[in-house]
Amino acid sequence: MSAYHSGQQAAPAMQGEQVIAIYEEILAIVGQMLDDAKANDWDGLVAREHACKQLIEQLMAHDTLSQLDAAQQKKKVTLIRQILALDAEIRTLTEPRLTDLQNLLSNCNRKRLLDQTYQPDQE
């Protein structure tokens, strides 16, 4: 539902330079997230992910589409492609770790269930 339909006033439009600056900031943060993933710094990765999310929400809150000239639109597309490429690298580093954690949790749960099933009653 758009801001107009929900009764809220839309945020003022950003200037093209502001939009590009935010995409550049997102790219920088995603680059740092990749460094965090390579260093197994999961807390740092999550913190930067939250910072990135705030910038994305800021972009979404403004009408940015009509404010970009052709050069800015081209720059935006280039930045988005770079962001997506880094994101793909991050996923290749994090997915095996997530699978490991999922297996660990599953094994712990199985062990707990076995312990409950075969533990002698204590009376």
C-alpha atoms as a PDB file:
ATOM      1  CA  MET A   1       0.000   0.000   0.000  1.00  0.00           C
ATOM      2  CA  SER A   2       1.444   3.387  -0.933  1.00  0.00           C
ATOM      3  CA  ALA A   3       1.849   6.232   1.522  1.00  0.00           C
ATOM      4  CA  TYR A   4      -0.917   8.084  -0.295  1.00  0.00           C
ATOM      5  CA  HIS A   5      -3.378   5.228   0.161  1.00  0.00           C
ATOM      6  CA  SER A   6      -2.474   4.663   3.790  1.00  0.00           C
ATOM      7  CA  GLY A   7      -3.212   8.274   4.661  1.00  0.00           C
ATOM      8  CA  GLN A   8       0.439   9.119   5.278  1.00  0.00           C
ATOM      9  CA  GLN A   9       2.250  11.875   3.457  1.00  0.00           C
ATOM     10  CA  ALA A  10       5.059  10.645   1.204  1.00  0.00           C
ATOM     11  CA  ALA A  11       8.576  11.726   2.127  1.00  0.00           C
ATOM     12  CA  PRO A  12       9.991  14.494  -0.057  1.00  0.00           C
ATOM     13  CA  ALA A  13      11.896  13.367  -3.120  1.00  0.00           C
ATOM     14  CA  MET A  14      15.661  13.087  -2.859  1.00  0.00           C
ATOM     15  CA  GLN A  15      17.992  14.783  -5.272  1.00  0.00           C
ATOM     16  CA  GLY A  16      19.861  12.501  -7.650  1.00  0.00           C
ATOM     17  CA  GLU A  17      23.193  13.179  -5.936  1.00  0.00           C
ATOM     18  CA  GLN A  18      21.709  12.080  -2.607  1.00  0.00           C
ATOM     19  CA  VAL A  19      20.390   8.858  -4.108  1.00  0.00           C
ATOM     20  CA  ILE A  20      23.764   8.010  -5.662  1.00  0.00           C
ATOM     21  CA  ALA A  21      25.564   8.842  -2.403  1.00  0.00           C
ATOM     22  CA  ILE A  22      23.343   6.399  -0.513  1.00  0.00           C
ATOM     23  CA  TYR A  23      23.950   3.638  -3.069  1.00  0.00           C
ATOM     24  CA  GLU A  24      27.694   4.302  -2.768  1.00  0.00           C
ATOM     25  CA  GLU A  25      27.407   4.074   1.020  1.00  0.00           C
ATOM     26  CA  ILE A  26      25.512   0.785   0.690  1.00  0.00           C
ATOM     27  CA  LEU A  27      28.250  -0.527  -1.607  1.00  0.00           C
ATOM     28  CA  ALA A  28      30.913   0.428   0.939  1.00  0.00           C
ATOM     29  CA  ILE A  29      29.013  -1.279   3.767  1.00  0.00           C
ATOM     30  CA  VAL A  30      28.437  -4.432   1.706  1.00  0.00           C
ATOM     31  CA  GLY A  31      32.183  -4.477   0.969  1.00  0.00           C
ATOM     32  CA  GLN A  32      32.823  -4.343   4.707  1.00  0.00           C
ATOM     33  CA  MET A  33      30.279  -7.132   5.193  1.00  0.00           C
ATOM     34  CA  LEU A  34      32.278  -9.257   2.759  1.00  0.00           C
ATOM     35  CA  ASP A  35      35.424  -8.559   4.793  1.00  0.00           C
ATOM     36  CA  ASP A  36      33.523  -9.559   7.940  1.00  0.00           C
ATOM     37  CA  ALA A  37      32.368 -12.801   6.309  1.00  0.00           C
ATOM     38  CA  LYS A  38      35.921 -13.622   5.193  1.00  0.00           C
ATOM     39  CA  ALA A  39      37.135 -13.009   8.756  1.00  0.00           C
ATOM     40  CA  ASN A  40      34.259 -15.046  10.279  1.00  0.00           C
ATOM     41  CA  ASP A  41      33.195 -11.897  12.137  1.00  0.00           C
ATOM     42  CA  TRP A  42      29.512 -12.741  12.283  1.00  0.00           C
ATOM     43  CA  ASP A  43      28.669 -10.031  14.828  1.00  0.00           C
ATOM     44  CA  GLY A  44      30.252  -7.390  12.592  1.00  0.00           C
ATOM     45  CA  LEU A  45      28.414  -8.780   9.582  1.00  0.00           C
ATOM     46  CA  VAL A  46      25.056  -8.580  11.347  1.00  0.00           C
ATOM     47  CA  ALA A  47      25.718  -5.039  12.605  1.00  0.00           C
ATOM     48  CA  ARG A  48      26.599  -3.851   9.108  1.00  0.00           C
ATOM     49  CA  GLU A  49      23.590  -5.658   7.688  1.00  0.00           C
ATOM     50  CA  HIS A  50      21.364  -3.578   9.979  1.00  0.00           C
ATOM     51  CA  ALA A  51      23.106  -0.372   8.858  1.00  0.00           C
ATOM     52  CA  CYS A  52      22.584  -1.386   5.240  1.00  0.00           C
ATOM     53  CA  LYS A  53      18.909  -2.104   5.883  1.00  0.00           C
ATOM     54  CA  GLN A  54      18.427   1.397   7.322  1.00  0.00           C
ATOM     55  CA  LEU A  55      19.900   2.970   4.190  1.00  0.00           C
ATOM     56  CA  ILE A  56      17.674   0.841   1.971  1.00  0.00           C
ATOM     57  CA  GLU A  57      14.625   1.884   3.990  1.00  0.00           C
ATOM     58  CA  GLN A  58      15.709   5.503   3.595  1.00  0.00           C
ATOM     59  CA  LEU A  59      15.798   5.050  -0.189  1.00  0.00           C
ATOM     60  CA  MET A  60      12.411   3.341  -0.185  1.00  0.00           C
ATOM     61  CA  ALA A  61      10.855   6.158   1.822  1.00  0.00           C
ATOM     62  CA  HIS A  62      11.608   8.682  -0.920  1.00  0.00           C
ATOM     63  CA  ASP A  63      10.449   8.939  -4.490  1.00  0.00           C
ATOM     64  CA  THR A  64      13.833   8.478  -6.168  1.00  0.00           C
ATOM     65  CA  LEU A  65      12.945   7.192  -9.615  1.00  0.00           C
ATOM     66  CA  SER A  66      12.036  10.493 -11.264  1.00  0.00           C
ATOM     67  CA  GLN A  67      14.955  12.389  -9.733  1.00  0.00           C
ATOM     68  CA  LEU A  68      17.759  10.674 -11.654  1.00  0.00           C
ATOM     69  CA  ASP A  69      19.120  11.926 -14.948  1.00  0.00           C
ATOM     70  CA  ALA A  70      20.451   9.428 -17.506  1.00  0.00           C
ATOM     71  CA  ALA A  71      24.019   9.468 -16.134  1.00  0.00           C
ATOM     72  CA  GLN A  72      22.797   9.011 -12.570  1.00  0.00           C
ATOM     73  CA  GLN A  73      20.490   6.192 -13.628  1.00  0.00           C
ATOM     74  CA  LYS A  74      23.449   4.468 -15.317  1.00  0.00           C
ATOM     75  CA  LYS A  75      25.581   4.987 -12.184  1.00  0.00           C
ATOM     76  CA  LYS A  76      22.775   3.579 -10.023  1.00  0.00           C
ATOM     77  CA  VAL A  77      22.563   0.433 -12.161  1.00  0.00           C
ATOM     78  CA  THR A  78      26.354  -0.008 -11.967  1.00  0.00           C
ATOM     79  CA  LEU A  79      26.288   0.362  -8.175  1.00  0.00           C
ATOM     80  CA  ILE A  80      23.419  -2.098  -7.809  1.00  0.00           C
ATOM     81  CA  ARG A  81      25.289  -4.658  -9.923  1.00  0.00           C
ATOM     82  CA  GLN A  82      28.388  -4.221  -7.751  1.00  0.00           C
ATOM     83  CA  ILE A  83      26.300  -4.585  -4.589  1.00  0.00           C
ATOM     84  CA  LEU A  84      24.677  -7.763  -5.913  1.00  0.00           C
ATOM     85  CA  ALA A  85      28.066  -9.235  -6.884  1.00  0.00           C
ATOM     86  CA  LEU A  86      29.424  -8.638  -3.383  1.00  0.00           C
ATOM     87  CA  ASP A  87      26.222 -10.028  -1.878  1.00  0.00           C
ATOM     88  CA  ALA A  88      26.675 -13.216  -3.908  1.00  0.00           C
ATOM     89  CA  GLU A  89      30.222 -13.555  -2.558  1.00  0.00           C
ATOM     90  CA  ILE A  90      28.938 -13.058   0.988  1.00  0.00           C
ATOM     91  CA  ARG A  91      26.338 -15.777   0.473  1.00  0.00           C
ATOM     92  CA  THR A  92      28.972 -18.242  -0.767  1.00  0.00           C
ATOM     93  CA  LEU A  93      30.853 -17.648   2.494  1.00  0.00           C
ATOM     94  CA  THR A  94      27.877 -17.651   4.855  1.00  0.00           C
ATOM     95  CA  GLU A  95      25.740 -20.477   3.463  1.00  0.00           C
ATOM     96  CA  PRO A  96      28.167 -23.268   4.474  1.00  0.00           C
ATOM     97  CA  ARG A  97      28.362 -21.763   7.963  1.00  0.00           C
ATOM     98  CA  LEU A  98      24.567 -21.600   8.198  1.00  0.00           C
ATOM     99  CA  THR A  99      24.352 -25.234   7.087  1.00  0.00           C
ATOM    100  CA  ASP A 100      26.896 -26.195   9.762  1.00  0.00           C
ATOM    101  CA  LEU A 101      24.890 -24.350  12.413  1.00  0.00           C
ATOM    102  CA  GLN A 102      21.666 -25.939  11.235  1.00  0.00           C
ATOM    103  CA  ASN A 103      23.261 -29.406  11.447  1.00  0.00           C
ATOM    104  CA  LEU A 104      24.635 -28.651  14.904  1.00  0.00           C
ATOM    105  CA  LEU A 105      21.235 -27.530  16.155  1.00  0.00           C
ATOM    106  CA  SER A 106      19.592 -30.567  14.613  1.00  0.00           C
ATOM    107  CA  ASN A 107      22.106 -32.907  16.275  1.00  0.00           C
ATOM    108  CA  CYS A 108      21.640 -31.198  19.640  1.00  0.00           C
ATOM    109  CA  ASN A 109      17.881 -31.549  19.324  1.00  0.00           C
ATOM    110  CA  ARG A 110      18.219 -35.228  18.392  1.00  0.00           C
ATOM    111  CA  LYS A 111      20.514 -35.834  21.370  1.00  0.00           C
ATOM    112  CA  ARG A 112      18.078 -34.107  23.699  1.00  0.00           C
ATOM    113  CA  LEU A 113      15.192 -36.235  22.405  1.00  0.00           C
ATOM    114  CA  LEU A 114      17.246 -39.417  22.785  1.00  0.00           C
ATOM    115  CA  ASP A 115      18.246 -38.430  26.304  1.00  0.00           C
ATOM    116  CA  GLN A 116      14.612 -37.820  27.199  1.00  0.00           C
ATOM    117  CA  THR A 117      13.524 -41.104  25.647  1.00  0.00           C
ATOM    118  CA  TYR A 118      16.174 -43.358  27.149  1.00  0.00           C
ATOM    119  CA  GLN A 119      16.937 -41.589  30.400  1.00  0.00           C
ATOM    120  CA  PRO A 120      15.857 -43.737  33.330  1.00  0.00           C
ATOM    121  CA  ASP A 121      13.050 -42.320  35.403  1.00  0.00           C
ATOM    122  CA  GLN A 122      14.432 -40.615  38.453  1.00  0.00           C
ATOM    123  CA  GLU A 123      12.115 -41.207  41.383  1.00  0.00           C
END
